Structure formats: C-alpha cells, structure tokens
Amino acid sequence: MALKKKKDKTNENKTQVIIVDDHPVVRDGLTTIINQEQDLNVCGGADDAHQALKAIGQLEPDVAIVDISLKNSDGIELTKSIKARQPKLSVIVLSVHDESVYAERALLAGAKAYLMKDAVSENIVKAIRVVLSGEIYVSNAISKKFLHKIAQDKAGTVKTPIESLSDREFEIFRLIGEGYKASQIAEQLHLSVKTVETYRGRLKEKLNIESAGELLQYAIKWAKSED
C-alpha cells in the first residue's frame, strides 16, 4: 500500500524524501529522524516495488530510501527500475544483510548509498546530504574493500563463484538459502516456476553443483554465514 503525505506548502522548498520499506516501524522511525531537519521532508512512502514506483511518479521526490528486502519484491531490482524511470533521483539502499556482499550490487544497480540498518539512525541524514551533493556514501570498511578490489582486479584476480552470479541469480540463491520453494520464489519475484527452475539450473552450473539438494545445502550454509 502506498503511503502519501498531504501536500503542505510549508514543505515545498524542502528536499523531498520517500521511504520504501515494508516495516511500518522502520518507516515511522526514519520519518521522525528526517523530519527533524529543517530542510528535509518525508513526502510519502510505500511497502512494495509497485506502489513505490507509483508514488515516486506522483510525488516526484529528490531522494528514495529503499529497503533491499521488500514484500513480494527486491530492492536491487526496484533500484534499477527507479533509475530507468527517474535517472536523477538519488537512491539510498538499506539492508540488514552483509554490506560486503550487497553494497557493490546496490551501487551497480544505480544506488548512491548503502547503509546497514543497525547504523541507519546515526547515518541516514549524513547519507542523504552526501548523495544530494553528488557523492557516493558507503561505510569506511566498504570504501577500503572497493579500493582493494580495484587493485586486485588489475592484478587479474578471479571473482568468487558467488560474485559471478547476476543480480537475479543471486537473489534466487539467497531465497533458496532462506528456505523458499520454487513456487514461493516465483510468486515473490513475479516469475514463472519454469523460469525459476531455469535459474536454479544456471546456479548449479556456475557454482559447480550437481543436484538440487546440494544447491539447497550450499545456499543454506551461505545464508547462515551471512547472519
């Protein structure tokens, strides 16, 4: 369900922010923090990708704060859709997932910032101001990792099997690790079961795994290591 604020002329000259998260408590908490700033205003929100795109078209915000795991949708894919429709809209991705795995994917999808949810209350306003200035916002640890990766890539370092997965393959792999069946993955990502099975075949090939059972165990083990 899209959540829209009533138009308030006192907020017209402020930077407008939309929050896309399927947890009302998170939306309310972020709204309270952001609205304390004199030049920022949360103009609305949504809890899934479809409603988010609709609200963004109506509200024309300056910044979109997007959770990476949404109800019946995926924040990475939503970020791509937002940037395709609104190239100038700055996207900040939030996640409880390991930033060393997801931050690069979020930035490659078009996000300008990646924030872990356990640090969002202290850093969200800073992240908004950084992306509005045209810069990228990530943690110091991720910034250092990117620099090391650039150096390693130039030295010819080969990607790990997980890093070689496409965004869609990676999302399906993550959902497998969380215990979702093919039919549930298909419903959540709005794909056919046949398409999900095709992706599972690609995963087995890329990860050098022979059976569906092995893929499930590997994905579960990976998911647990990310907790």
C-alpha atoms as a PDB file:
ATOM      1  CA  MET A   1       0.000   0.000   0.000  1.00  0.00           C
ATOM      2  CA  ALA A   2       1.367   3.399  -0.959  1.00  0.00           C
ATOM      3  CA  LEU A   3       1.517   5.908   1.833  1.00  0.00           C
ATOM      4  CA  LYS A   4       1.301   9.555   0.807  1.00  0.00           C
ATOM      5  CA  LYS A   5       1.543  12.710   2.828  1.00  0.00           C
ATOM      6  CA  LYS A   6      -0.867  15.551   2.304  1.00  0.00           C
ATOM      7  CA  LYS A   7       0.631  18.462   0.448  1.00  0.00           C
ATOM      8  CA  ASP A   8       1.904  21.114   2.796  1.00  0.00           C
ATOM      9  CA  LYS A   9       3.084  24.411   1.331  1.00  0.00           C
ATOM     10  CA  THR A  10       5.460  24.876   4.253  1.00  0.00           C
ATOM     11  CA  ASN A  11       7.431  21.859   2.948  1.00  0.00           C
ATOM     12  CA  GLU A  12       7.519  22.802  -0.737  1.00  0.00           C
ATOM     13  CA  ASN A  13      11.050  24.236  -0.609  1.00  0.00           C
ATOM     14  CA  LYS A  14      12.480  21.313   1.336  1.00  0.00           C
ATOM     15  CA  THR A  15      14.279  18.273  -0.071  1.00  0.00           C
ATOM     16  CA  GLN A  16      11.580  15.633  -0.532  1.00  0.00           C
ATOM     17  CA  VAL A  17      12.257  12.061   0.605  1.00  0.00           C
ATOM     18  CA  ILE A  18      10.246   8.891   0.029  1.00  0.00           C
ATOM     19  CA  ILE A  19      10.748   5.782   2.174  1.00  0.00           C
ATOM     20  CA  VAL A  20      10.194   2.301   0.708  1.00  0.00           C
ATOM     21  CA  ASP A  21      10.128  -0.331   3.454  1.00  0.00           C
ATOM     22  CA  ASP A  22       7.567  -2.988   4.356  1.00  0.00           C
ATOM     23  CA  HIS A  23       8.008  -2.407   8.095  1.00  0.00           C
ATOM     24  CA  PRO A  24       5.854   0.490   9.381  1.00  0.00           C
ATOM     25  CA  VAL A  25       8.064   0.884  12.469  1.00  0.00           C
ATOM     26  CA  VAL A  26      11.111   1.469  10.254  1.00  0.00           C
ATOM     27  CA  ARG A  27       9.258   3.992   8.101  1.00  0.00           C
ATOM     28  CA  ASP A  28       7.986   5.849  11.157  1.00  0.00           C
ATOM     29  CA  GLY A  29      11.417   5.906  12.787  1.00  0.00           C
ATOM     30  CA  LEU A  30      13.139   7.226   9.681  1.00  0.00           C
ATOM     31  CA  THR A  31      10.391   9.800   9.151  1.00  0.00           C
ATOM     32  CA  THR A  32      10.872  11.149  12.676  1.00  0.00           C
ATOM     33  CA  ILE A  33      14.649  11.445  12.226  1.00  0.00           C
ATOM     34  CA  ILE A  34      14.494  13.037   8.782  1.00  0.00           C
ATOM     35  CA  ASN A  35      11.690  15.497   9.571  1.00  0.00           C
ATOM     36  CA  GLN A  36      13.717  16.906  12.459  1.00  0.00           C
ATOM     37  CA  GLU A  37      15.975  18.505   9.834  1.00  0.00           C
ATOM     38  CA  GLN A  38      14.727  21.941   8.785  1.00  0.00           C
ATOM     39  CA  ASP A  39      15.483  21.392   5.098  1.00  0.00           C
ATOM     40  CA  LEU A  40      14.264  17.790   4.735  1.00  0.00           C
ATOM     41  CA  ASN A  41      10.733  16.386   4.482  1.00  0.00           C
ATOM     42  CA  VAL A  42       9.384  12.850   4.121  1.00  0.00           C
ATOM     43  CA  CYS A  43       6.716  13.294   1.458  1.00  0.00           C
ATOM     44  CA  GLY A  44       5.465   9.702   1.496  1.00  0.00           C
ATOM     45  CA  GLY A  45       6.266   6.027   1.419  1.00  0.00           C
ATOM     46  CA  ALA A  46       5.403   2.570   0.141  1.00  0.00           C
ATOM     47  CA  ASP A  47       5.837  -1.039   1.200  1.00  0.00           C
ATOM     48  CA  ASP A  48       6.480  -2.737  -2.160  1.00  0.00           C
ATOM     49  CA  ALA A  49       8.016  -2.029  -5.562  1.00  0.00           C
ATOM     50  CA  HIS A  50       4.765  -1.482  -7.489  1.00  0.00           C
ATOM     51  CA  GLN A  51       3.417   1.089  -5.037  1.00  0.00           C
ATOM     52  CA  ALA A  52       6.847   2.699  -4.737  1.00  0.00           C
ATOM     53  CA  LEU A  53       7.084   3.374  -8.471  1.00  0.00           C
ATOM     54  CA  LYS A  54       3.538   4.734  -8.486  1.00  0.00           C
ATOM     55  CA  ALA A  55       4.215   7.023  -5.516  1.00  0.00           C
ATOM     56  CA  ILE A  56       7.515   8.244  -6.973  1.00  0.00           C
ATOM     57  CA  GLY A  57       5.735   9.192 -10.199  1.00  0.00           C
ATOM     58  CA  GLN A  58       3.128  11.144  -8.245  1.00  0.00           C
ATOM     59  CA  LEU A  59       5.291  12.745  -5.566  1.00  0.00           C
ATOM     60  CA  GLU A  60       8.493  13.378  -7.574  1.00  0.00           C
ATOM     61  CA  PRO A  61      10.839  13.125  -4.561  1.00  0.00           C
ATOM     62  CA  ASP A  62      14.510  14.091  -4.570  1.00  0.00           C
ATOM     63  CA  VAL A  63      15.683  11.034  -2.623  1.00  0.00           C
ATOM     64  CA  ALA A  64      14.322   7.479  -2.332  1.00  0.00           C
ATOM     65  CA  ILE A  65      15.303   5.342   0.648  1.00  0.00           C
ATOM     66  CA  VAL A  66      14.808   1.687  -0.342  1.00  0.00           C
ATOM     67  CA  ASP A  67      14.998  -1.451   1.779  1.00  0.00           C
ATOM     68  CA  ILE A  68      16.770  -4.262  -0.058  1.00  0.00           C
ATOM     69  CA  SER A  69      14.232  -6.903   1.066  1.00  0.00           C
ATOM     70  CA  LEU A  70      10.665  -5.844   0.321  1.00  0.00           C
ATOM     71  CA  LYS A  71       7.307  -7.582   0.398  1.00  0.00           C
ATOM     72  CA  ASN A  72       6.953  -9.522  -2.868  1.00  0.00           C
ATOM     73  CA  SER A  73       9.838  -7.634  -4.425  1.00  0.00           C
ATOM     74  CA  ASP A  74      13.560  -6.979  -4.394  1.00  0.00           C
ATOM     75  CA  GLY A  75      15.219  -3.650  -3.569  1.00  0.00           C
ATOM     76  CA  ILE A  76      18.018  -4.134  -6.106  1.00  0.00           C
ATOM     77  CA  GLU A  77      15.566  -4.636  -8.968  1.00  0.00           C
ATOM     78  CA  LEU A  78      13.463  -1.728  -7.697  1.00  0.00           C
ATOM     79  CA  THR A  79      16.544   0.500  -7.715  1.00  0.00           C
ATOM     80  CA  LYS A  80      17.152  -0.399 -11.363  1.00  0.00           C
ATOM     81  CA  SER A  81      13.531   0.419 -12.206  1.00  0.00           C
ATOM     82  CA  ILE A  82      13.694   3.738 -10.366  1.00  0.00           C
ATOM     83  CA  LYS A  83      16.873   4.788 -12.172  1.00  0.00           C
ATOM     84  CA  ALA A  84      15.414   3.759 -15.539  1.00  0.00           C
ATOM     85  CA  ARG A  85      12.380   5.987 -14.945  1.00  0.00           C
ATOM     86  CA  GLN A  86      13.936   8.764 -12.872  1.00  0.00           C
ATOM     87  CA  PRO A  87      17.705   8.891 -13.629  1.00  0.00           C
ATOM     88  CA  LYS A  88      18.239  11.989 -11.474  1.00  0.00           C
ATOM     89  CA  LEU A  89      16.533  10.549  -8.384  1.00  0.00           C
ATOM     90  CA  SER A  90      19.092   9.625  -5.721  1.00  0.00           C
ATOM     91  CA  VAL A  91      18.533   6.157  -4.203  1.00  0.00           C
ATOM     92  CA  ILE A  92      19.804   5.090  -0.776  1.00  0.00           C
ATOM     93  CA  VAL A  93      19.621   1.336  -0.128  1.00  0.00           C
ATOM     94  CA  LEU A  94      19.119  -0.010   3.394  1.00  0.00           C
ATOM     95  CA  SER A  95      19.756  -3.593   4.449  1.00  0.00           C
ATOM     96  CA  VAL A  96      20.266  -5.970   7.334  1.00  0.00           C
ATOM     97  CA  HIS A  97      22.400  -8.097   5.009  1.00  0.00           C
ATOM     98  CA  ASP A  98      26.187  -8.095   4.951  1.00  0.00           C
ATOM     99  CA  GLU A  99      27.334  -4.939   3.181  1.00  0.00           C
ATOM    100  CA  SER A 100      30.419  -6.713   1.806  1.00  0.00           C
ATOM    101  CA  VAL A 101      28.048  -8.841  -0.309  1.00  0.00           C
ATOM    102  CA  TYR A 102      25.281  -6.400  -1.225  1.00  0.00           C
ATOM    103  CA  ALA A 103      26.821  -2.911  -1.329  1.00  0.00           C
ATOM    104  CA  GLU A 104      28.538  -3.349  -4.694  1.00  0.00           C
ATOM    105  CA  ARG A 105      25.406  -4.822  -6.265  1.00  0.00           C
ATOM    106  CA  ALA A 106      23.324  -1.920  -4.951  1.00  0.00           C
ATOM    107  CA  LEU A 107      25.732   0.675  -6.333  1.00  0.00           C
ATOM    108  CA  LEU A 108      25.960  -1.077  -9.704  1.00  0.00           C
ATOM    109  CA  ALA A 109      22.143  -1.047  -9.816  1.00  0.00           C
ATOM    110  CA  GLY A 110      22.255   2.756  -9.522  1.00  0.00           C
ATOM    111  CA  ALA A 111      22.096   3.442  -5.790  1.00  0.00           C
ATOM    112  CA  LYS A 112      24.147   6.344  -4.443  1.00  0.00           C
ATOM    113  CA  ALA A 113      24.469   4.956  -0.912  1.00  0.00           C
ATOM    114  CA  TYR A 114      24.311   1.708   1.039  1.00  0.00           C
ATOM    115  CA  LEU A 115      23.537   1.670   4.748  1.00  0.00           C
ATOM    116  CA  MET A 116      23.299  -1.174   7.238  1.00  0.00           C
ATOM    117  CA  LYS A 117      20.052  -0.872   9.218  1.00  0.00           C
ATOM    118  CA  ASP A 118      21.840  -1.199  12.555  1.00  0.00           C
ATOM    119  CA  ALA A 119      23.619   2.091  11.809  1.00  0.00           C
ATOM    120  CA  VAL A 120      20.899   3.906   9.912  1.00  0.00           C
ATOM    121  CA  SER A 121      19.631   6.139  12.728  1.00  0.00           C
ATOM    122  CA  GLU A 122      23.091   7.678  13.184  1.00  0.00           C
ATOM    123  CA  ASN A 123      23.934   7.984   9.487  1.00  0.00           C
ATOM    124  CA  ILE A 124      20.781   8.457   7.408  1.00  0.00           C
ATOM    125  CA  VAL A 125      20.811  12.266   7.422  1.00  0.00           C
ATOM    126  CA  LYS A 126      24.515  12.335   6.556  1.00  0.00           C
ATOM    127  CA  ALA A 127      23.910   9.841   3.722  1.00  0.00           C
ATOM    128  CA  ILE A 128      21.091  11.999   2.319  1.00  0.00           C
ATOM    129  CA  ARG A 129      23.291  15.085   2.320  1.00  0.00           C
ATOM    130  CA  VAL A 130      26.206  13.226   0.727  1.00  0.00           C
ATOM    131  CA  VAL A 131      24.147  11.851  -2.166  1.00  0.00           C
ATOM    132  CA  LEU A 132      22.480  15.233  -2.718  1.00  0.00           C
ATOM    133  CA  SER A 133      25.966  16.691  -3.158  1.00  0.00           C
ATOM    134  CA  GLY A 134      26.569  14.189  -5.945  1.00  0.00           C
ATOM    135  CA  GLU A 135      28.832  11.847  -3.984  1.00  0.00           C
ATOM    136  CA  ILE A 136      28.620   8.172  -3.005  1.00  0.00           C
ATOM    137  CA  TYR A 137      28.027   7.155   0.607  1.00  0.00           C
ATOM    138  CA  VAL A 138      29.263   3.809   1.990  1.00  0.00           C
ATOM    139  CA  SER A 139      30.962   2.787   5.216  1.00  0.00           C
ATOM    140  CA  ASN A 140      34.728   3.184   5.598  1.00  0.00           C
ATOM    141  CA  ALA A 141      35.102  -0.604   5.565  1.00  0.00           C
ATOM    142  CA  ILE A 142      33.336  -0.925   2.211  1.00  0.00           C
ATOM    143  CA  SER A 143      35.228   2.019   0.751  1.00  0.00           C
ATOM    144  CA  LYS A 144      38.506   0.285   1.616  1.00  0.00           C
ATOM    145  CA  LYS A 145      37.246  -3.015   0.205  1.00  0.00           C
ATOM    146  CA  PHE A 146      36.390  -1.362  -3.111  1.00  0.00           C
ATOM    147  CA  LEU A 147      39.870   0.133  -3.340  1.00  0.00           C
ATOM    148  CA  HIS A 148      41.464  -3.248  -2.629  1.00  0.00           C
ATOM    149  CA  LYS A 149      39.189  -4.900  -5.179  1.00  0.00           C
ATOM    150  CA  ILE A 150      40.183  -2.401  -7.868  1.00  0.00           C
ATOM    151  CA  ALA A 151      43.832  -3.183  -7.180  1.00  0.00           C
ATOM    152  CA  GLN A 152      43.169  -6.931  -7.227  1.00  0.00           C
ATOM    153  CA  ASP A 153      41.161  -6.763 -10.445  1.00  0.00           C
ATOM    154  CA  LYS A 154      44.050  -5.021 -12.138  1.00  0.00           C
ATOM    155  CA  ALA A 155      46.260  -7.854 -10.943  1.00  0.00           C
ATOM    156  CA  GLY A 156      43.923 -10.338 -12.626  1.00  0.00           C
ATOM    157  CA  THR A 157      42.180 -11.718  -9.555  1.00  0.00           C
ATOM    158  CA  VAL A 158      39.310 -14.070 -10.407  1.00  0.00           C
ATOM    159  CA  LYS A 159      35.862 -13.467  -8.910  1.00  0.00           C
ATOM    160  CA  THR A 160      34.455 -15.936  -6.406  1.00  0.00           C
ATOM    161  CA  PRO A 161      31.542 -18.111  -7.655  1.00  0.00           C
ATOM    162  CA  ILE A 162      29.050 -16.047  -5.628  1.00  0.00           C
ATOM    163  CA  GLU A 163      30.391 -12.768  -7.035  1.00  0.00           C
ATOM    164  CA  SER A 164      29.985 -14.153 -10.564  1.00  0.00           C
ATOM    165  CA  LEU A 165      26.216 -14.508 -10.164  1.00  0.00           C
ATOM    166  CA  SER A 166      23.930 -11.963 -11.800  1.00  0.00           C
ATOM    167  CA  ASP A 167      21.674  -9.914  -9.510  1.00  0.00           C
ATOM    168  CA  ARG A 168      18.660 -12.093 -10.308  1.00  0.00           C
ATOM    169  CA  GLU A 169      20.638 -15.317  -9.850  1.00  0.00           C
ATOM    170  CA  PHE A 170      21.978 -14.015  -6.571  1.00  0.00           C
ATOM    171  CA  GLU A 171      18.505 -13.076  -5.318  1.00  0.00           C
ATOM    172  CA  ILE A 172      17.144 -16.544  -6.150  1.00  0.00           C
ATOM    173  CA  PHE A 173      20.178 -18.138  -4.492  1.00  0.00           C
ATOM    174  CA  ARG A 174      19.522 -16.073  -1.345  1.00  0.00           C
ATOM    175  CA  LEU A 175      15.862 -17.060  -1.266  1.00  0.00           C
ATOM    176  CA  ILE A 176      16.769 -20.731  -1.696  1.00  0.00           C
ATOM    177  CA  GLY A 177      19.067 -20.357   1.296  1.00  0.00           C
ATOM    178  CA  GLU A 178      16.207 -18.875   3.298  1.00  0.00           C
ATOM    179  CA  GLY A 179      14.109 -21.976   2.623  1.00  0.00           C
ATOM    180  CA  TYR A 180      11.794 -20.745  -0.114  1.00  0.00           C
ATOM    181  CA  LYS A 181      10.474 -23.321  -2.604  1.00  0.00           C
ATOM    182  CA  ALA A 182      10.478 -22.684  -6.360  1.00  0.00           C
ATOM    183  CA  SER A 183       6.760 -21.796  -6.349  1.00  0.00           C
ATOM    184  CA  GLN A 184       7.254 -19.321  -3.487  1.00  0.00           C
ATOM    185  CA  ILE A 185      10.252 -17.706  -5.206  1.00  0.00           C
ATOM    186  CA  ALA A 186       8.249 -17.421  -8.418  1.00  0.00           C
ATOM    187  CA  GLU A 187       5.399 -15.697  -6.590  1.00  0.00           C
ATOM    188  CA  GLN A 188       7.677 -13.299  -4.718  1.00  0.00           C
ATOM    189  CA  LEU A 189       9.707 -12.283  -7.774  1.00  0.00           C
ATOM    190  CA  HIS A 190       6.747 -12.356 -10.196  1.00  0.00           C
ATOM    191  CA  LEU A 191       8.323 -15.074 -12.337  1.00  0.00           C
ATOM    192  CA  SER A 192       7.031 -18.389 -13.629  1.00  0.00           C
ATOM    193  CA  VAL A 193       8.061 -21.570 -11.819  1.00  0.00           C
ATOM    194  CA  LYS A 194       9.699 -22.699 -15.065  1.00  0.00           C
ATOM    195  CA  THR A 195      11.831 -19.545 -15.117  1.00  0.00           C
ATOM    196  CA  VAL A 196      12.893 -20.106 -11.508  1.00  0.00           C
ATOM    197  CA  GLU A 197      13.873 -23.674 -12.372  1.00  0.00           C
ATOM    198  CA  THR A 198      15.946 -22.344 -15.272  1.00  0.00           C
ATOM    199  CA  TYR A 199      17.753 -20.030 -12.864  1.00  0.00           C
ATOM    200  CA  ARG A 200      18.327 -22.940 -10.478  1.00  0.00           C
ATOM    201  CA  GLY A 201      19.993 -24.786 -13.354  1.00  0.00           C
ATOM    202  CA  ARG A 202      22.260 -21.804 -14.001  1.00  0.00           C
ATOM    203  CA  LEU A 203      23.139 -21.642 -10.307  1.00  0.00           C
ATOM    204  CA  LYS A 204      24.172 -25.292 -10.253  1.00  0.00           C
ATOM    205  CA  GLU A 205      26.330 -24.725 -13.325  1.00  0.00           C
ATOM    206  CA  LYS A 206      28.016 -21.562 -12.053  1.00  0.00           C
ATOM    207  CA  LEU A 207      28.544 -22.947  -8.545  1.00  0.00           C
ATOM    208  CA  ASN A 208      29.694 -26.339  -9.885  1.00  0.00           C
ATOM    209  CA  ILE A 209      26.925 -28.206  -8.047  1.00  0.00           C
ATOM    210  CA  GLU A 210      25.282 -31.318  -9.460  1.00  0.00           C
ATOM    211  CA  SER A 211      21.978 -31.750  -7.621  1.00  0.00           C
ATOM    212  CA  ALA A 212      19.147 -29.592  -6.292  1.00  0.00           C
ATOM    213  CA  GLY A 213      19.798 -30.990  -2.814  1.00  0.00           C
ATOM    214  CA  GLU A 214      23.435 -29.891  -2.911  1.00  0.00           C
ATOM    215  CA  LEU A 215      22.375 -26.450  -4.088  1.00  0.00           C
ATOM    216  CA  LEU A 216      19.917 -26.180  -1.202  1.00  0.00           C
ATOM    217  CA  GLN A 217      22.527 -27.170   1.385  1.00  0.00           C
ATOM    218  CA  TYR A 218      25.112 -24.810  -0.090  1.00  0.00           C
ATOM    219  CA  ALA A 219      22.633 -21.916  -0.127  1.00  0.00           C
ATOM    220  CA  ILE A 220      21.526 -22.609   3.459  1.00  0.00           C
ATOM    221  CA  LYS A 221      25.136 -22.744   4.645  1.00  0.00           C
ATOM    222  CA  TRP A 222      25.891 -19.457   2.860  1.00  0.00           C
ATOM    223  CA  ALA A 223      22.767 -17.801   4.296  1.00  0.00           C
ATOM    224  CA  LYS A 224      23.751 -18.811   7.834  1.00  0.00           C
ATOM    225  CA  SER A 225      27.243 -17.406   7.352  1.00  0.00           C
ATOM    226  CA  GLU A 226      25.684 -14.041   6.473  1.00  0.00           C
ATOM    227  CA  ASP A 227      23.579 -13.831   9.659  1.00  0.00           C
END
